[in-house]
Amino acid sequence: MEDRPWWPKGIVQSHDETSISTSWGTRPLHIPEITLDWWNSLQNTWGEWPEVETFEQIDEDRSGIWYDIGEYKALVIPIPTGKHASRLSRNPQLKSALKTHLQLPIAGYDKDGDHVLIYPKDKPGKITAKSLAGLHVSLINGGWSTPNDEYGWNARLKKVEDTLKTSTLWRAPHSRNTIGIPRIELKGMRPVPLPLCDAILWNNDTNLAMIRQALKHNVMLKWREFVPSKYRGDDVMRIATGGVAHFRYDLNILRKAEAVAFGSEDAEIDEYLSGVDRIQAKLGIMRLMQMGIPLAIFGLIGTFWLDSAGEFSKPSIGYWTFGLIGIISSFLYSYNEPDWRDQL
């Protein structure tokens, strides 16, 4: 079992025929003996379940075991992580919105989540800036996007940090235009089950930020050309409002979790995480520079009150002084903010 790519050898503690216990929690476990009878005797399948006459294992990855079953391709998921892939086909409104953008499963079998998914045999399209943006625009137009959920996003990160016992701690505000979308894990333009780490560390059905997916698939700059400007403006991207820097941290700390779970090394991620404090130090300097702005506002208000009460013989000194403090603070705040493009 240790050699199977979907087996979390770095965190597993014990298992039996129906469950796997790890240091992070327990998940269902179903490892069937794959035979023709098994394929054709499954009950309560959904969709257009095919009659299987031949089958051959063709691949195995962290999602599960892939089979050629004749006219179709099948994925058997030994450790189900939810129904995030099947719901895209089983919900009529979602299916209608997404079928032109994704290679959706045509059938499946539930057992504590998606246990078997049947796909067309054609190779799915590549993830490009245009194809991913098309998916996102369809979700927005179909009413499937959700408002900024910085509370949920930050709570999720805290759970991951606490579980991994990392030395990093990063919470961020986000622009009101940073919207969420349903969790859709992609292998090419084909939805597959959520990664085990995502499911076991955060079992809530939280929509994650749309820009996170563009960042994950390295298409951010080109992707911005195809989505409405409201959802990809500098207010969404900049480090002061979380933006690209914070979602890059999100992606990398989940990569760290995956490395731990599957007992692998990832020197690139370790190097990135060791430098997070430098990013946060820059944020600290920005906040320090910003402190002059409220001082300037209160100073201007105080000057106005004292001038109105006749207490100032030369109120222009106060106006000029606090006005300059505000201008200089604003300039230094902006000047010290790193370009979000440096985080790509």
C-alpha atoms as a PDB file:
ATOM      1  CA  MET A   1       0.000   0.000   0.000  1.00  0.00           C
ATOM      2  CA  GLU A   2       2.904   2.322   0.776  1.00  0.00           C
ATOM      3  CA  ASP A   3       3.788   2.563  -2.903  1.00  0.00           C
ATOM      4  CA  ARG A   4       0.347   3.670  -4.083  1.00  0.00           C
ATOM      5  CA  PRO A   5       0.406   7.381  -5.050  1.00  0.00           C
ATOM      6  CA  TRP A   6      -2.975   8.027  -3.375  1.00  0.00           C
ATOM      7  CA  TRP A   7      -1.918   6.508  -0.026  1.00  0.00           C
ATOM      8  CA  PRO A   8      -1.064   9.225   2.584  1.00  0.00           C
ATOM      9  CA  LYS A   9       1.921   7.371   4.023  1.00  0.00           C
ATOM     10  CA  GLY A  10       3.202  10.461   5.821  1.00  0.00           C
ATOM     11  CA  ILE A  11       0.219  10.755   8.169  1.00  0.00           C
ATOM     12  CA  VAL A  12      -1.513   7.335   8.197  1.00  0.00           C
ATOM     13  CA  GLN A  13      -1.851   5.685  11.602  1.00  0.00           C
ATOM     14  CA  SER A  14      -4.120   2.715  10.925  1.00  0.00           C
ATOM     15  CA  HIS A  15      -6.802   1.463   8.564  1.00  0.00           C
ATOM     16  CA  ASP A  16      -9.406  -1.234   8.152  1.00  0.00           C
ATOM     17  CA  GLU A  17     -11.801  -2.205   5.356  1.00  0.00           C
ATOM     18  CA  THR A  18     -13.933   0.915   5.677  1.00  0.00           C
ATOM     19  CA  SER A  19     -11.786   3.728   7.058  1.00  0.00           C
ATOM     20  CA  ILE A  20      -8.316   5.182   7.322  1.00  0.00           C
ATOM     21  CA  SER A  21      -7.136   6.958  10.456  1.00  0.00           C
ATOM     22  CA  THR A  22      -4.489   9.636  10.110  1.00  0.00           C
ATOM     23  CA  SER A  23      -2.873  12.126  12.443  1.00  0.00           C
ATOM     24  CA  TRP A  24      -5.159  14.732  10.858  1.00  0.00           C
ATOM     25  CA  GLY A  25      -8.453  12.856  11.082  1.00  0.00           C
ATOM     26  CA  THR A  26     -10.357   9.883   9.712  1.00  0.00           C
ATOM     27  CA  ARG A  27     -11.657   9.353   6.188  1.00  0.00           C
ATOM     28  CA  PRO A  28     -13.650   6.537   4.546  1.00  0.00           C
ATOM     29  CA  LEU A  29     -11.596   3.921   2.706  1.00  0.00           C
ATOM     30  CA  HIS A  30     -12.876   1.613  -0.023  1.00  0.00           C
ATOM     31  CA  ILE A  31     -10.428  -0.541  -1.987  1.00  0.00           C
ATOM     32  CA  PRO A  32     -12.541  -2.837  -4.152  1.00  0.00           C
ATOM     33  CA  GLU A  33     -11.384  -5.964  -5.914  1.00  0.00           C
ATOM     34  CA  ILE A  34     -11.868  -4.804  -9.488  1.00  0.00           C
ATOM     35  CA  THR A  35     -13.542  -7.407 -11.708  1.00  0.00           C
ATOM     36  CA  LEU A  36     -16.092  -7.307 -14.532  1.00  0.00           C
ATOM     37  CA  ASP A  37     -18.740  -8.476 -12.093  1.00  0.00           C
ATOM     38  CA  TRP A  38     -17.872  -5.611  -9.758  1.00  0.00           C
ATOM     39  CA  TRP A  39     -18.229  -3.025 -12.531  1.00  0.00           C
ATOM     40  CA  ASN A  40     -21.582  -4.363 -13.657  1.00  0.00           C
ATOM     41  CA  SER A  41     -23.114  -5.149 -10.275  1.00  0.00           C
ATOM     42  CA  LEU A  42     -22.836  -1.718  -8.646  1.00  0.00           C
ATOM     43  CA  GLN A  43     -26.220  -0.497  -7.412  1.00  0.00           C
ATOM     44  CA  ASN A  44     -27.604   3.040  -7.206  1.00  0.00           C
ATOM     45  CA  THR A  45     -25.250   4.457  -9.792  1.00  0.00           C
ATOM     46  CA  TRP A  46     -26.140   7.807 -11.342  1.00  0.00           C
ATOM     47  CA  GLY A  47     -26.029   9.054 -14.911  1.00  0.00           C
ATOM     48  CA  GLU A  48     -25.537   6.927 -18.022  1.00  0.00           C
ATOM     49  CA  TRP A  49     -23.696   4.018 -16.415  1.00  0.00           C
ATOM     50  CA  PRO A  50     -22.072   1.921 -19.178  1.00  0.00           C
ATOM     51  CA  GLU A  51     -22.038  -1.827 -19.579  1.00  0.00           C
ATOM     52  CA  VAL A  52     -18.412  -2.765 -18.989  1.00  0.00           C
ATOM     53  CA  GLU A  53     -17.075  -5.628 -21.105  1.00  0.00           C
ATOM     54  CA  THR A  54     -13.347  -5.042 -20.697  1.00  0.00           C
ATOM     55  CA  PHE A  55     -11.198  -2.970 -18.399  1.00  0.00           C
ATOM     56  CA  GLU A  56      -7.534  -2.134 -18.060  1.00  0.00           C
ATOM     57  CA  GLN A  57      -5.697  -0.025 -15.515  1.00  0.00           C
ATOM     58  CA  ILE A  58      -3.949   2.812 -17.349  1.00  0.00           C
ATOM     59  CA  ASP A  59      -2.782   5.179 -14.614  1.00  0.00           C
ATOM     60  CA  GLU A  60      -2.707   5.871 -10.911  1.00  0.00           C
ATOM     61  CA  ASP A  61      -2.310   9.235  -9.211  1.00  0.00           C
ATOM     62  CA  ARG A  62      -3.256  10.999  -6.001  1.00  0.00           C
ATOM     63  CA  SER A  63      -6.906  11.112  -7.057  1.00  0.00           C
ATOM     64  CA  GLY A  64      -7.113   7.345  -7.442  1.00  0.00           C
ATOM     65  CA  ILE A  65      -6.867   4.601 -10.075  1.00  0.00           C
ATOM     66  CA  TRP A  66      -7.691   5.243 -13.748  1.00  0.00           C
ATOM     67  CA  TYR A  67      -9.143   2.554 -16.025  1.00  0.00           C
ATOM     68  CA  ASP A  68      -9.872   2.175 -19.699  1.00  0.00           C
ATOM     69  CA  ILE A  69     -13.325   0.567 -19.816  1.00  0.00           C
ATOM     70  CA  GLY A  70     -13.887   0.532 -23.562  1.00  0.00           C
ATOM     71  CA  GLU A  71     -15.763   3.597 -24.769  1.00  0.00           C
ATOM     72  CA  TYR A  72     -15.096   5.478 -21.549  1.00  0.00           C
ATOM     73  CA  LYS A  73     -12.472   6.238 -18.961  1.00  0.00           C
ATOM     74  CA  ALA A  74     -13.122   5.576 -15.266  1.00  0.00           C
ATOM     75  CA  LEU A  75     -11.592   6.848 -12.048  1.00  0.00           C
ATOM     76  CA  VAL A  76     -11.913   4.733  -8.895  1.00  0.00           C
ATOM     77  CA  ILE A  77     -11.325   6.825  -5.764  1.00  0.00           C
ATOM     78  CA  PRO A  78     -10.225   4.622  -2.821  1.00  0.00           C
ATOM     79  CA  ILE A  79     -10.372   7.535  -0.331  1.00  0.00           C
ATOM     80  CA  PRO A  80     -13.451   9.608  -1.265  1.00  0.00           C
ATOM     81  CA  THR A  81     -13.149  13.316  -0.502  1.00  0.00           C
ATOM     82  CA  GLY A  82     -16.683  14.518  -1.261  1.00  0.00           C
ATOM     83  CA  LYS A  83     -19.019  15.011  -4.189  1.00  0.00           C
ATOM     84  CA  HIS A  84     -17.437  18.130  -5.653  1.00  0.00           C
ATOM     85  CA  ALA A  85     -16.870  16.538  -9.074  1.00  0.00           C
ATOM     86  CA  SER A  86     -20.165  14.677  -9.474  1.00  0.00           C
ATOM     87  CA  ARG A  87     -22.345  17.584  -8.392  1.00  0.00           C
ATOM     88  CA  LEU A  88     -21.242  19.501 -11.481  1.00  0.00           C
ATOM     89  CA  SER A  89     -23.051  16.891 -13.579  1.00  0.00           C
ATOM     90  CA  ARG A  90     -25.875  16.009 -11.214  1.00  0.00           C
ATOM     91  CA  ASN A  91     -27.039  19.575 -10.643  1.00  0.00           C
ATOM     92  CA  PRO A  92     -28.955  20.498 -13.840  1.00  0.00           C
ATOM     93  CA  GLN A  93     -28.234  24.233 -13.560  1.00  0.00           C
ATOM     94  CA  LEU A  94     -24.521  23.726 -12.957  1.00  0.00           C
ATOM     95  CA  LYS A  95     -24.295  21.182 -15.749  1.00  0.00           C
ATOM     96  CA  SER A  96     -25.981  23.554 -18.177  1.00  0.00           C
ATOM     97  CA  ALA A  97     -23.592  26.363 -17.239  1.00  0.00           C
ATOM     98  CA  LEU A  98     -20.401  24.306 -17.350  1.00  0.00           C
ATOM     99  CA  LYS A  99     -20.808  21.575 -19.976  1.00  0.00           C
ATOM    100  CA  THR A 100     -19.283  23.709 -22.736  1.00  0.00           C
ATOM    101  CA  HIS A 101     -16.218  24.458 -20.595  1.00  0.00           C
ATOM    102  CA  LEU A 102     -15.491  21.183 -18.795  1.00  0.00           C
ATOM    103  CA  GLN A 103     -15.323  17.515 -19.622  1.00  0.00           C
ATOM    104  CA  LEU A 104     -17.902  16.513 -17.032  1.00  0.00           C
ATOM    105  CA  PRO A 105     -18.368  12.967 -15.727  1.00  0.00           C
ATOM    106  CA  ILE A 106     -21.288  11.213 -17.445  1.00  0.00           C
ATOM    107  CA  ALA A 107     -21.931   8.707 -14.651  1.00  0.00           C
ATOM    108  CA  GLY A 108     -20.687   7.672 -11.246  1.00  0.00           C
ATOM    109  CA  TYR A 109     -21.136   5.751  -8.042  1.00  0.00           C
ATOM    110  CA  ASP A 110     -21.344   7.204  -4.541  1.00  0.00           C
ATOM    111  CA  LYS A 111     -19.866   5.573  -1.478  1.00  0.00           C
ATOM    112  CA  ASP A 112     -19.146   8.149   1.208  1.00  0.00           C
ATOM    113  CA  GLY A 113     -18.592  10.599  -1.643  1.00  0.00           C
ATOM    114  CA  ASP A 114     -17.495  10.146  -5.232  1.00  0.00           C
ATOM    115  CA  HIS A 115     -16.107   6.596  -5.352  1.00  0.00           C
ATOM    116  CA  VAL A 116     -16.299   6.002  -9.125  1.00  0.00           C
ATOM    117  CA  LEU A 117     -16.497   8.619 -11.875  1.00  0.00           C
ATOM    118  CA  ILE A 118     -16.992   7.801 -15.574  1.00  0.00           C
ATOM    119  CA  TYR A 119     -15.660  10.254 -18.162  1.00  0.00           C
ATOM    120  CA  PRO A 120     -15.655  10.492 -21.947  1.00  0.00           C
ATOM    121  CA  LYS A 121     -12.523   8.918 -23.367  1.00  0.00           C
ATOM    122  CA  ASP A 122     -11.446  12.037 -25.240  1.00  0.00           C
ATOM    123  CA  LYS A 123      -8.507  13.884 -23.755  1.00  0.00           C
ATOM    124  CA  PRO A 124      -9.736  16.962 -21.875  1.00  0.00           C
ATOM    125  CA  GLY A 125      -8.738  20.404 -23.070  1.00  0.00           C
ATOM    126  CA  LYS A 126      -5.702  22.142 -21.632  1.00  0.00           C
ATOM    127  CA  ILE A 127      -6.078  24.726 -18.923  1.00  0.00           C
ATOM    128  CA  THR A 128      -5.383  28.073 -20.549  1.00  0.00           C
ATOM    129  CA  ALA A 129      -6.098  31.629 -19.478  1.00  0.00           C
ATOM    130  CA  LYS A 130      -9.011  31.771 -21.914  1.00  0.00           C
ATOM    131  CA  SER A 131     -10.534  28.400 -20.991  1.00  0.00           C
ATOM    132  CA  LEU A 132     -10.280  29.076 -17.255  1.00  0.00           C
ATOM    133  CA  ALA A 133     -11.701  32.571 -17.663  1.00  0.00           C
ATOM    134  CA  GLY A 134     -14.582  31.136 -19.698  1.00  0.00           C
ATOM    135  CA  LEU A 135     -15.367  28.765 -16.826  1.00  0.00           C
ATOM    136  CA  HIS A 136     -15.241  31.602 -14.309  1.00  0.00           C
ATOM    137  CA  VAL A 137     -17.422  33.945 -16.358  1.00  0.00           C
ATOM    138  CA  SER A 138     -20.024  31.174 -16.728  1.00  0.00           C
ATOM    139  CA  LEU A 139     -20.065  30.704 -12.955  1.00  0.00           C
ATOM    140  CA  ILE A 140     -20.496  34.451 -12.434  1.00  0.00           C
ATOM    141  CA  ASN A 141     -23.227  34.782 -15.051  1.00  0.00           C
ATOM    142  CA  GLY A 142     -25.026  31.722 -13.688  1.00  0.00           C
ATOM    143  CA  GLY A 143     -25.138  33.163 -10.173  1.00  0.00           C
ATOM    144  CA  TRP A 144     -22.738  30.575  -8.738  1.00  0.00           C
ATOM    145  CA  SER A 145     -20.145  33.030  -7.449  1.00  0.00           C
ATOM    146  CA  THR A 146     -20.258  34.163  -3.829  1.00  0.00           C
ATOM    147  CA  PRO A 147     -19.199  37.387  -2.071  1.00  0.00           C
ATOM    148  CA  ASN A 148     -15.868  37.906  -0.364  1.00  0.00           C
ATOM    149  CA  ASP A 149     -15.521  35.356   2.466  1.00  0.00           C
ATOM    150  CA  GLU A 150     -12.301  36.506   4.068  1.00  0.00           C
ATOM    151  CA  TYR A 151     -13.453  35.143   7.441  1.00  0.00           C
ATOM    152  CA  GLY A 152     -13.837  31.633   6.018  1.00  0.00           C
ATOM    153  CA  TRP A 153     -10.624  31.868   3.974  1.00  0.00           C
ATOM    154  CA  ASN A 154      -8.597  33.014   6.978  1.00  0.00           C
ATOM    155  CA  ALA A 155     -10.182  30.402   9.272  1.00  0.00           C
ATOM    156  CA  ARG A 156      -9.253  27.699   6.771  1.00  0.00           C
ATOM    157  CA  LEU A 157      -5.642  28.888   6.693  1.00  0.00           C
ATOM    158  CA  LYS A 158      -5.491  28.928  10.486  1.00  0.00           C
ATOM    159  CA  LYS A 159      -6.643  25.300  10.566  1.00  0.00           C
ATOM    160  CA  VAL A 160      -3.919  24.315   8.103  1.00  0.00           C
ATOM    161  CA  GLU A 161      -1.229  26.260   9.980  1.00  0.00           C
ATOM    162  CA  ASP A 162      -2.286  24.777  13.322  1.00  0.00           C
ATOM    163  CA  THR A 163      -2.297  21.252  11.921  1.00  0.00           C
ATOM    164  CA  LEU A 164       1.104  21.583  10.274  1.00  0.00           C
ATOM    165  CA  LYS A 165       2.489  23.525  13.272  1.00  0.00           C
ATOM    166  CA  THR A 166       4.181  25.930  10.906  1.00  0.00           C
ATOM    167  CA  SER A 167       6.098  28.995  12.027  1.00  0.00           C
ATOM    168  CA  THR A 168       4.057  31.091   9.598  1.00  0.00           C
ATOM    169  CA  LEU A 169       0.878  32.949  10.491  1.00  0.00           C
ATOM    170  CA  TRP A 170      -0.810  35.131   7.900  1.00  0.00           C
ATOM    171  CA  ARG A 171      -4.291  36.617   7.956  1.00  0.00           C
ATOM    172  CA  ALA A 172      -5.367  39.166   5.384  1.00  0.00           C
ATOM    173  CA  PRO A 173      -8.294  41.383   4.497  1.00  0.00           C
ATOM    174  CA  HIS A 174      -9.570  41.102   0.942  1.00  0.00           C
ATOM    175  CA  SER A 175     -11.244  43.493  -1.442  1.00  0.00           C
ATOM    176  CA  ARG A 176     -15.036  43.327  -1.640  1.00  0.00           C
ATOM    177  CA  ASN A 177     -14.519  42.469  -5.326  1.00  0.00           C
ATOM    178  CA  THR A 178     -12.576  39.317  -4.456  1.00  0.00           C
ATOM    179  CA  ILE A 179     -15.329  36.783  -5.090  1.00  0.00           C
ATOM    180  CA  GLY A 180     -15.573  33.070  -4.376  1.00  0.00           C
ATOM    181  CA  ILE A 181     -16.490  30.215  -6.710  1.00  0.00           C
ATOM    182  CA  PRO A 182     -17.433  26.560  -6.066  1.00  0.00           C
ATOM    183  CA  ARG A 183     -14.539  24.209  -5.404  1.00  0.00           C
ATOM    184  CA  ILE A 184     -13.611  22.681  -8.763  1.00  0.00           C
ATOM    185  CA  GLU A 185     -10.358  20.707  -8.827  1.00  0.00           C
ATOM    186  CA  LEU A 186      -9.093  20.412 -12.397  1.00  0.00           C
ATOM    187  CA  LYS A 187      -6.924  17.914 -14.251  1.00  0.00           C
ATOM    188  CA  GLY A 188      -6.872  19.597 -17.594  1.00  0.00           C
ATOM    189  CA  MET A 189     -10.380  20.959 -18.126  1.00  0.00           C
ATOM    190  CA  ARG A 190     -11.783  17.881 -16.388  1.00  0.00           C
ATOM    191  CA  PRO A 191     -13.103  18.086 -12.809  1.00  0.00           C
ATOM    192  CA  VAL A 192     -11.660  15.509 -10.430  1.00  0.00           C
ATOM    193  CA  PRO A 193     -12.146  14.945  -6.686  1.00  0.00           C
ATOM    194  CA  LEU A 194     -10.667  17.396  -4.208  1.00  0.00           C
ATOM    195  CA  PRO A 195      -7.159  16.538  -2.995  1.00  0.00           C
ATOM    196  CA  LEU A 196      -7.168  14.517   0.206  1.00  0.00           C
ATOM    197  CA  CYS A 197      -5.358  17.274   2.127  1.00  0.00           C
ATOM    198  CA  ASP A 198      -7.983  19.869   1.210  1.00  0.00           C
ATOM    199  CA  ALA A 199     -10.795  17.594   2.328  1.00  0.00           C
ATOM    200  CA  ILE A 200      -9.283  16.330   5.553  1.00  0.00           C
ATOM    201  CA  LEU A 201      -7.926  19.675   6.771  1.00  0.00           C
ATOM    202  CA  TRP A 202     -11.033  21.726   5.959  1.00  0.00           C
ATOM    203  CA  ASN A 203     -14.213  19.720   5.637  1.00  0.00           C
ATOM    204  CA  ASN A 204     -16.507  22.753   5.313  1.00  0.00           C
ATOM    205  CA  ASP A 205     -18.008  23.492   1.908  1.00  0.00           C
ATOM    206  CA  THR A 206     -16.278  26.862   1.563  1.00  0.00           C
ATOM    207  CA  ASN A 207     -16.054  28.527  -1.837  1.00  0.00           C
ATOM    208  CA  LEU A 208     -12.510  29.730  -2.426  1.00  0.00           C
ATOM    209  CA  ALA A 209     -11.434  32.898  -4.207  1.00  0.00           C
ATOM    210  CA  MET A 210     -11.683  32.899  -7.999  1.00  0.00           C
ATOM    211  CA  ILE A 211      -8.259  34.472  -8.488  1.00  0.00           C
ATOM    212  CA  ARG A 212      -6.719  31.627  -6.460  1.00  0.00           C
ATOM    213  CA  GLN A 213      -7.508  29.170  -9.242  1.00  0.00           C
ATOM    214  CA  ALA A 214      -5.985  31.429 -11.906  1.00  0.00           C
ATOM    215  CA  LEU A 215      -2.871  31.738  -9.747  1.00  0.00           C
ATOM    216  CA  LYS A 216      -2.745  27.976  -9.151  1.00  0.00           C
ATOM    217  CA  HIS A 217      -2.669  27.223 -12.872  1.00  0.00           C
ATOM    218  CA  ASN A 218      -0.122  29.953 -13.675  1.00  0.00           C
ATOM    219  CA  VAL A 219      -2.331  31.894 -16.088  1.00  0.00           C
ATOM    220  CA  MET A 220      -2.975  35.001 -13.994  1.00  0.00           C
ATOM    221  CA  LEU A 221      -1.690  37.776 -16.256  1.00  0.00           C
ATOM    222  CA  LYS A 222      -3.366  36.519 -19.435  1.00  0.00           C
ATOM    223  CA  TRP A 223      -6.496  35.425 -17.515  1.00  0.00           C
ATOM    224  CA  ARG A 224      -7.095  39.041 -16.483  1.00  0.00           C
ATOM    225  CA  GLU A 225      -7.726  39.930 -20.130  1.00  0.00           C
ATOM    226  CA  PHE A 226     -10.828  37.717 -20.288  1.00  0.00           C
ATOM    227  CA  VAL A 227     -12.681  38.368 -17.026  1.00  0.00           C
ATOM    228  CA  PRO A 228     -14.746  41.439 -16.061  1.00  0.00           C
ATOM    229  CA  SER A 229     -12.512  44.268 -14.836  1.00  0.00           C
ATOM    230  CA  LYS A 230     -14.424  44.473 -11.564  1.00  0.00           C
ATOM    231  CA  TYR A 231     -13.054  41.115 -10.446  1.00  0.00           C
ATOM    232  CA  ARG A 232      -9.410  41.514 -11.459  1.00  0.00           C
ATOM    233  CA  GLY A 233      -8.599  45.154 -10.656  1.00  0.00           C
ATOM    234  CA  ASP A 234      -5.618  46.240  -8.592  1.00  0.00           C
ATOM    235  CA  ASP A 235      -7.830  46.369  -5.497  1.00  0.00           C
ATOM    236  CA  VAL A 236      -8.244  42.592  -5.852  1.00  0.00           C
ATOM    237  CA  MET A 237      -4.610  41.878  -6.705  1.00  0.00           C
ATOM    238  CA  ARG A 238      -2.600  44.168  -4.398  1.00  0.00           C
ATOM    239  CA  ILE A 239      -0.792  42.887  -1.333  1.00  0.00           C
ATOM    240  CA  ALA A 240      -2.479  45.434   0.977  1.00  0.00           C
ATOM    241  CA  THR A 241      -5.780  43.621   0.423  1.00  0.00           C
ATOM    242  CA  GLY A 242      -4.380  40.103   0.567  1.00  0.00           C
ATOM    243  CA  GLY A 243      -4.485  39.630  -3.160  1.00  0.00           C
ATOM    244  CA  VAL A 244      -1.992  37.598  -5.131  1.00  0.00           C
ATOM    245  CA  ALA A 245       0.581  37.416  -2.309  1.00  0.00           C
ATOM    246  CA  HIS A 246      -1.854  35.961   0.221  1.00  0.00           C
ATOM    247  CA  PHE A 247      -3.350  33.431  -2.187  1.00  0.00           C
ATOM    248  CA  ARG A 248       0.114  32.352  -3.225  1.00  0.00           C
ATOM    249  CA  TYR A 249       0.739  31.669   0.462  1.00  0.00           C
ATOM    250  CA  ASP A 250      -2.532  29.719   0.585  1.00  0.00           C
ATOM    251  CA  LEU A 251      -1.491  27.542  -2.361  1.00  0.00           C
ATOM    252  CA  ASN A 252       2.001  26.945  -1.039  1.00  0.00           C
ATOM    253  CA  ILE A 253       0.983  26.009   2.472  1.00  0.00           C
ATOM    254  CA  LEU A 254      -1.430  23.459   0.953  1.00  0.00           C
ATOM    255  CA  ARG A 255       1.455  22.144  -1.142  1.00  0.00           C
ATOM    256  CA  LYS A 256       3.405  21.790   2.087  1.00  0.00           C
ATOM    257  CA  ALA A 257       0.484  19.858   3.592  1.00  0.00           C
ATOM    258  CA  GLU A 258       0.467  17.546   0.574  1.00  0.00           C
ATOM    259  CA  ALA A 259       4.199  16.931   0.881  1.00  0.00           C
ATOM    260  CA  VAL A 260       3.771  16.036   4.558  1.00  0.00           C
ATOM    261  CA  ALA A 261       0.746  13.818   3.925  1.00  0.00           C
ATOM    262  CA  PHE A 262       2.408  11.808   1.172  1.00  0.00           C
ATOM    263  CA  GLY A 263       5.833  11.670   2.766  1.00  0.00           C
ATOM    264  CA  SER A 264       7.696  13.659   0.145  1.00  0.00           C
ATOM    265  CA  GLU A 265      10.165  16.532   0.230  1.00  0.00           C
ATOM    266  CA  ASP A 266       9.547  19.904  -1.411  1.00  0.00           C
ATOM    267  CA  ALA A 267      12.569  22.139  -0.989  1.00  0.00           C
ATOM    268  CA  GLU A 268      11.012  24.899  -3.110  1.00  0.00           C
ATOM    269  CA  ILE A 269       8.035  25.200  -0.755  1.00  0.00           C
ATOM    270  CA  ASP A 270      10.262  25.131   2.326  1.00  0.00           C
ATOM    271  CA  GLU A 271      12.317  27.963   0.865  1.00  0.00           C
ATOM    272  CA  TYR A 272       9.176  29.969   0.079  1.00  0.00           C
ATOM    273  CA  LEU A 273       7.723  29.498   3.583  1.00  0.00           C
ATOM    274  CA  SER A 274      10.996  30.549   5.183  1.00  0.00           C
ATOM    275  CA  GLY A 275      10.661  33.881   3.353  1.00  0.00           C
ATOM    276  CA  VAL A 276       7.068  34.659   4.334  1.00  0.00           C
ATOM    277  CA  ASP A 277       8.237  36.720   7.312  1.00  0.00           C
ATOM    278  CA  ARG A 278      10.016  39.084   4.904  1.00  0.00           C
ATOM    279  CA  ILE A 279       6.752  39.727   3.061  1.00  0.00           C
ATOM    280  CA  GLN A 280       5.012  40.356   6.366  1.00  0.00           C
ATOM    281  CA  ALA A 281       7.800  42.722   7.444  1.00  0.00           C
ATOM    282  CA  LYS A 282       7.075  44.826   4.351  1.00  0.00           C
ATOM    283  CA  LEU A 283       3.394  44.826   5.308  1.00  0.00           C
ATOM    284  CA  GLY A 284       4.402  46.011   8.796  1.00  0.00           C
ATOM    285  CA  ILE A 285       6.347  48.925   7.329  1.00  0.00           C
ATOM    286  CA  MET A 286       3.341  49.834   5.175  1.00  0.00           C
ATOM    287  CA  ARG A 287       1.050  49.859   8.201  1.00  0.00           C
ATOM    288  CA  LEU A 288       3.535  52.038  10.065  1.00  0.00           C
ATOM    289  CA  MET A 289       3.519  54.527   7.188  1.00  0.00           C
ATOM    290  CA  GLN A 290      -0.274  54.440   7.158  1.00  0.00           C
ATOM    291  CA  MET A 291      -0.511  55.551  10.772  1.00  0.00           C
ATOM    292  CA  GLY A 292       0.143  59.128   9.672  1.00  0.00           C
ATOM    293  CA  ILE A 293      -3.159  59.244   7.762  1.00  0.00           C
ATOM    294  CA  PRO A 294      -5.529  59.025  10.766  1.00  0.00           C
ATOM    295  CA  LEU A 295      -3.195  61.419  12.635  1.00  0.00           C
ATOM    296  CA  ALA A 296      -3.558  63.902   9.762  1.00  0.00           C
ATOM    297  CA  ILE A 297      -7.353  63.532   9.689  1.00  0.00           C
ATOM    298  CA  PHE A 298      -7.743  64.091  13.441  1.00  0.00           C
ATOM    299  CA  GLY A 299      -5.245  66.943  13.281  1.00  0.00           C
ATOM    300  CA  LEU A 300      -7.189  68.679  10.514  1.00  0.00           C
ATOM    301  CA  ILE A 301     -10.480  68.209  12.392  1.00  0.00           C
ATOM    302  CA  GLY A 302      -8.892  69.530  15.611  1.00  0.00           C
ATOM    303  CA  THR A 303      -7.453  72.507  13.777  1.00  0.00           C
ATOM    304  CA  PHE A 304     -10.870  73.303  12.325  1.00  0.00           C
ATOM    305  CA  TRP A 305     -12.564  73.129  15.750  1.00  0.00           C
ATOM    306  CA  LEU A 306      -9.942  75.300  17.425  1.00  0.00           C
ATOM    307  CA  ASP A 307     -10.052  77.770  14.545  1.00  0.00           C
ATOM    308  CA  SER A 308     -13.855  77.936  14.811  1.00  0.00           C
ATOM    309  CA  ALA A 309     -13.535  78.576  18.560  1.00  0.00           C
ATOM    310  CA  GLY A 310     -11.098  81.391  17.873  1.00  0.00           C
ATOM    311  CA  GLU A 311      -8.218  79.592  19.637  1.00  0.00           C
ATOM    312  CA  PHE A 312      -5.832  79.746  16.670  1.00  0.00           C
ATOM    313  CA  SER A 313      -4.364  82.980  15.431  1.00  0.00           C
ATOM    314  CA  LYS A 314      -2.722  81.236  12.444  1.00  0.00           C
ATOM    315  CA  PRO A 315      -4.769  78.105  11.657  1.00  0.00           C
ATOM    316  CA  SER A 316      -3.066  77.780   8.280  1.00  0.00           C
ATOM    317  CA  ILE A 317      -0.036  76.338  10.098  1.00  0.00           C
ATOM    318  CA  GLY A 318      -2.172  73.467  11.412  1.00  0.00           C
ATOM    319  CA  TYR A 319      -3.843  72.864   8.060  1.00  0.00           C
ATOM    320  CA  TRP A 320      -0.515  72.829   6.229  1.00  0.00           C
ATOM    321  CA  THR A 321       1.211  70.659   8.829  1.00  0.00           C
ATOM    322  CA  PHE A 322      -1.422  67.953   9.066  1.00  0.00           C
ATOM    323  CA  GLY A 323      -2.143  68.126   5.350  1.00  0.00           C
ATOM    324  CA  LEU A 324       1.513  67.426   4.608  1.00  0.00           C
ATOM    325  CA  ILE A 325       1.583  64.586   7.138  1.00  0.00           C
ATOM    326  CA  GLY A 326      -1.384  62.989   5.340  1.00  0.00           C
ATOM    327  CA  ILE A 327       0.129  63.438   1.881  1.00  0.00           C
ATOM    328  CA  ILE A 328       3.554  62.110   2.900  1.00  0.00           C
ATOM    329  CA  SER A 329       2.039  59.134   4.746  1.00  0.00           C
ATOM    330  CA  SER A 330      -0.118  58.227   1.755  1.00  0.00           C
ATOM    331  CA  PHE A 331       2.872  58.498  -0.575  1.00  0.00           C
ATOM    332  CA  LEU A 332       5.135  56.380   1.638  1.00  0.00           C
ATOM    333  CA  TYR A 333       2.374  53.783   2.120  1.00  0.00           C
ATOM    334  CA  SER A 334       1.962  53.385  -1.641  1.00  0.00           C
ATOM    335  CA  TYR A 335       5.699  53.604  -2.314  1.00  0.00           C
ATOM    336  CA  ASN A 336       6.486  50.779   0.129  1.00  0.00           C
ATOM    337  CA  GLU A 337       3.827  48.428  -1.238  1.00  0.00           C
ATOM    338  CA  PRO A 338       5.478  45.702  -3.344  1.00  0.00           C
ATOM    339  CA  ASP A 339       4.154  45.147  -6.859  1.00  0.00           C
ATOM    340  CA  TRP A 340       1.785  42.170  -6.753  1.00  0.00           C
ATOM    341  CA  ARG A 341       3.264  40.939 -10.050  1.00  0.00           C
ATOM    342  CA  ASP A 342       6.486  40.134  -8.172  1.00  0.00           C
ATOM    343  CA  GLN A 343       4.569  37.331  -6.436  1.00  0.00           C
ATOM    344  CA  LEU A 344       3.772  35.464  -9.652  1.00  0.00           C
END
